[in-house]
C-alpha cells in the first residue's frame, strides 16, 4: 500500500460523515434561509467551516472539501448539496484506490516475470 493513499471502509466514520453531510445540506437548503440572512450570513460561513473541520476529522484531509466550502460562499450555489457530494466523491475515490491496490496484490508473480522478458 502506498503511503499517500488513505482507504476508507464503509464503517461508522463514513456513515457518520455522510449523515452529517446530508443533515448539513438539508439545514442550509431548507432551514437556514427561513431564519438566517442567506449566503451573506456569518452563521452560515461558520457552519460551513465547522462542517469542513468535522468531515476532515472523520475522513482525513481531501481536496473535495475545499471546493465545497468555497462554493458555499457563492450566492445560489449554496442550494446544491455540496457536502454530501464531497463525501460521496471521497468514498468513491478511496474505493477505486483500494480496488487498484487489491488488483496489484492479486497479480501473479509469474505473470510479472513473463512481462519483463
Protein backbone atom coordinates (compact mmCIF):
# COMPACT_ATOMS: atom_id res chain seq x y z
CA UNK A 1 0.00 0.00 0.00
CA UNK A 2 1.34 3.45 -0.81
CA UNK A 3 1.97 5.90 1.98
CA UNK A 4 -0.18 8.64 0.39
CA UNK A 5 -3.31 6.54 -0.09
CA UNK A 6 -5.94 6.51 2.63
CA UNK A 7 -8.64 3.91 2.21
CA UNK A 8 -11.97 4.48 3.87
CA UNK A 9 -14.05 1.47 4.76
CA UNK A 10 -17.82 1.81 4.82
CA UNK A 11 -17.74 1.78 8.60
CA UNK A 12 -19.05 4.08 11.29
CA UNK A 13 -16.84 7.06 10.36
CA UNK A 14 -18.05 7.11 6.76
CA UNK A 15 -21.66 6.64 7.82
CA UNK A 16 -21.37 9.44 10.37
CA UNK A 17 -19.73 11.73 7.80
CA UNK A 18 -22.44 11.02 5.23
CA UNK A 19 -25.25 11.53 7.74
CA UNK A 20 -23.72 14.80 8.94
CA UNK A 21 -23.19 15.99 5.36
CA UNK A 22 -26.79 15.24 4.40
CA UNK A 23 -28.09 16.97 7.55
CA UNK A 24 -25.85 19.99 6.94
CA UNK A 25 -27.04 20.29 3.35
CA UNK A 26 -30.67 19.94 4.42
CA UNK A 27 -30.22 22.64 7.07
CA UNK A 28 -28.53 25.00 4.65
CA UNK A 29 -31.05 24.46 1.87
CA UNK A 30 -34.33 24.22 3.78
CA UNK A 31 -33.96 25.70 7.27
CA UNK A 32 -31.26 28.39 7.27
CA UNK A 33 -32.91 30.56 4.59
CA UNK A 34 -36.01 30.84 6.80
CA UNK A 35 -34.16 32.26 9.81
CA UNK A 36 -30.76 33.47 8.63
CA UNK A 37 -29.89 36.12 6.04
CA UNK A 38 -28.69 33.64 3.43
CA UNK A 39 -25.26 33.40 1.81
CA UNK A 40 -24.06 36.65 3.40
CA UNK A 41 -24.67 35.30 6.88
CA UNK A 42 -21.59 34.73 9.05
CA UNK A 43 -23.53 31.96 10.83
CA UNK A 44 -23.72 30.03 7.56
CA UNK A 45 -19.99 30.57 6.93
CA UNK A 46 -19.07 29.42 10.43
CA UNK A 47 -21.32 26.39 9.99
CA UNK A 48 -19.51 25.51 6.74
CA UNK A 49 -16.13 25.93 8.39
CA UNK A 50 -17.24 23.62 11.19
CA UNK A 51 -18.55 21.05 8.73
CA UNK A 52 -15.26 21.08 6.87
CA UNK A 53 -13.40 20.52 10.16
CA UNK A 54 -15.70 17.69 11.25
CA UNK A 55 -15.51 15.92 7.89
CA UNK A 56 -11.74 16.29 7.85
CA UNK A 57 -11.61 14.80 11.34
CA UNK A 58 -13.81 11.85 10.32
CA UNK A 59 -12.36 11.10 6.87
CA UNK A 60 -8.99 12.84 6.76
CA UNK A 61 -7.99 15.74 4.53
CA UNK A 62 -9.36 15.55 0.96
CA UNK A 63 -9.33 18.23 -1.72
CA UNK A 64 -13.05 17.70 -2.32
CA UNK A 65 -13.83 19.54 0.92
CA UNK A 66 -12.15 22.78 -0.16
CA UNK A 67 -14.31 23.47 -3.26
CA UNK A 68 -17.39 22.55 -1.24
CA UNK A 69 -16.53 25.16 1.36
CA UNK A 70 -15.62 27.87 -1.17
CA UNK A 71 -18.68 27.22 -3.35
CA UNK A 72 -20.96 27.60 -0.33
CA UNK A 73 -19.84 31.22 -0.12
CA UNK A 74 -21.27 31.99 -3.58
CA UNK A 75 -24.95 33.02 -3.53
CA UNK A 76 -27.17 30.49 -5.29
CA UNK A 77 -24.56 27.74 -5.31
CA UNK A 78 -25.32 27.07 -1.67
CA UNK A 79 -28.54 25.39 -2.85
CA UNK A 80 -26.53 22.43 -4.15
CA UNK A 81 -25.84 19.63 -1.62
CA UNK A 82 -22.08 20.04 -1.92
CA UNK A 83 -21.12 18.45 1.41
CA UNK A 84 -22.98 15.25 0.51
CA UNK A 85 -21.40 15.20 -2.94
CA UNK A 86 -17.94 15.74 -1.44
CA UNK A 87 -18.31 12.82 0.99
CA UNK A 88 -19.65 10.56 -1.76
CA UNK A 89 -16.73 11.53 -4.01
CA UNK A 90 -14.19 10.86 -1.24
CA UNK A 91 -15.68 7.40 -0.70
CA UNK A 92 -15.74 6.71 -4.45
CA UNK A 93 -12.08 7.65 -4.83
CA UNK A 94 -10.97 5.63 -1.81
CA UNK A 95 -12.87 2.62 -3.11
CA UNK A 96 -11.16 2.95 -6.50
CA UNK A 97 -7.73 3.20 -4.86
CA UNK A 98 -8.46 0.13 -2.72
CA UNK A 99 -9.54 -1.85 -5.80
CA UNK A 100 -6.35 -0.85 -7.61
CA UNK A 101 -4.21 -1.89 -4.66
CA UNK A 102 -6.04 -5.22 -4.36
CA UNK A 103 -5.55 -5.83 -8.09
CA UNK A 104 -1.81 -5.28 -7.74
CA UNK A 105 -1.64 -7.62 -4.75
CA UNK A 106 -3.54 -10.40 -6.51
CA UNK A 107 -1.41 -10.24 -9.63
CA UNK A 108 0.53 -13.47 -10.12
CA UNK A 109 4.32 -13.14 -9.73
CA UNK A 110 4.80 -15.49 -12.71
CA UNK A 111 2.89 -13.06 -14.92
CA UNK A 112 5.14 -10.23 -13.78
CA UNK A 113 8.22 -12.24 -14.77
CA UNK A 114 6.77 -13.12 -18.19
CA UNK A 115 6.03 -9.43 -18.87
CA UNK A 116 9.61 -8.43 -18.12
CA UNK A 117 11.00 -10.89 -20.68
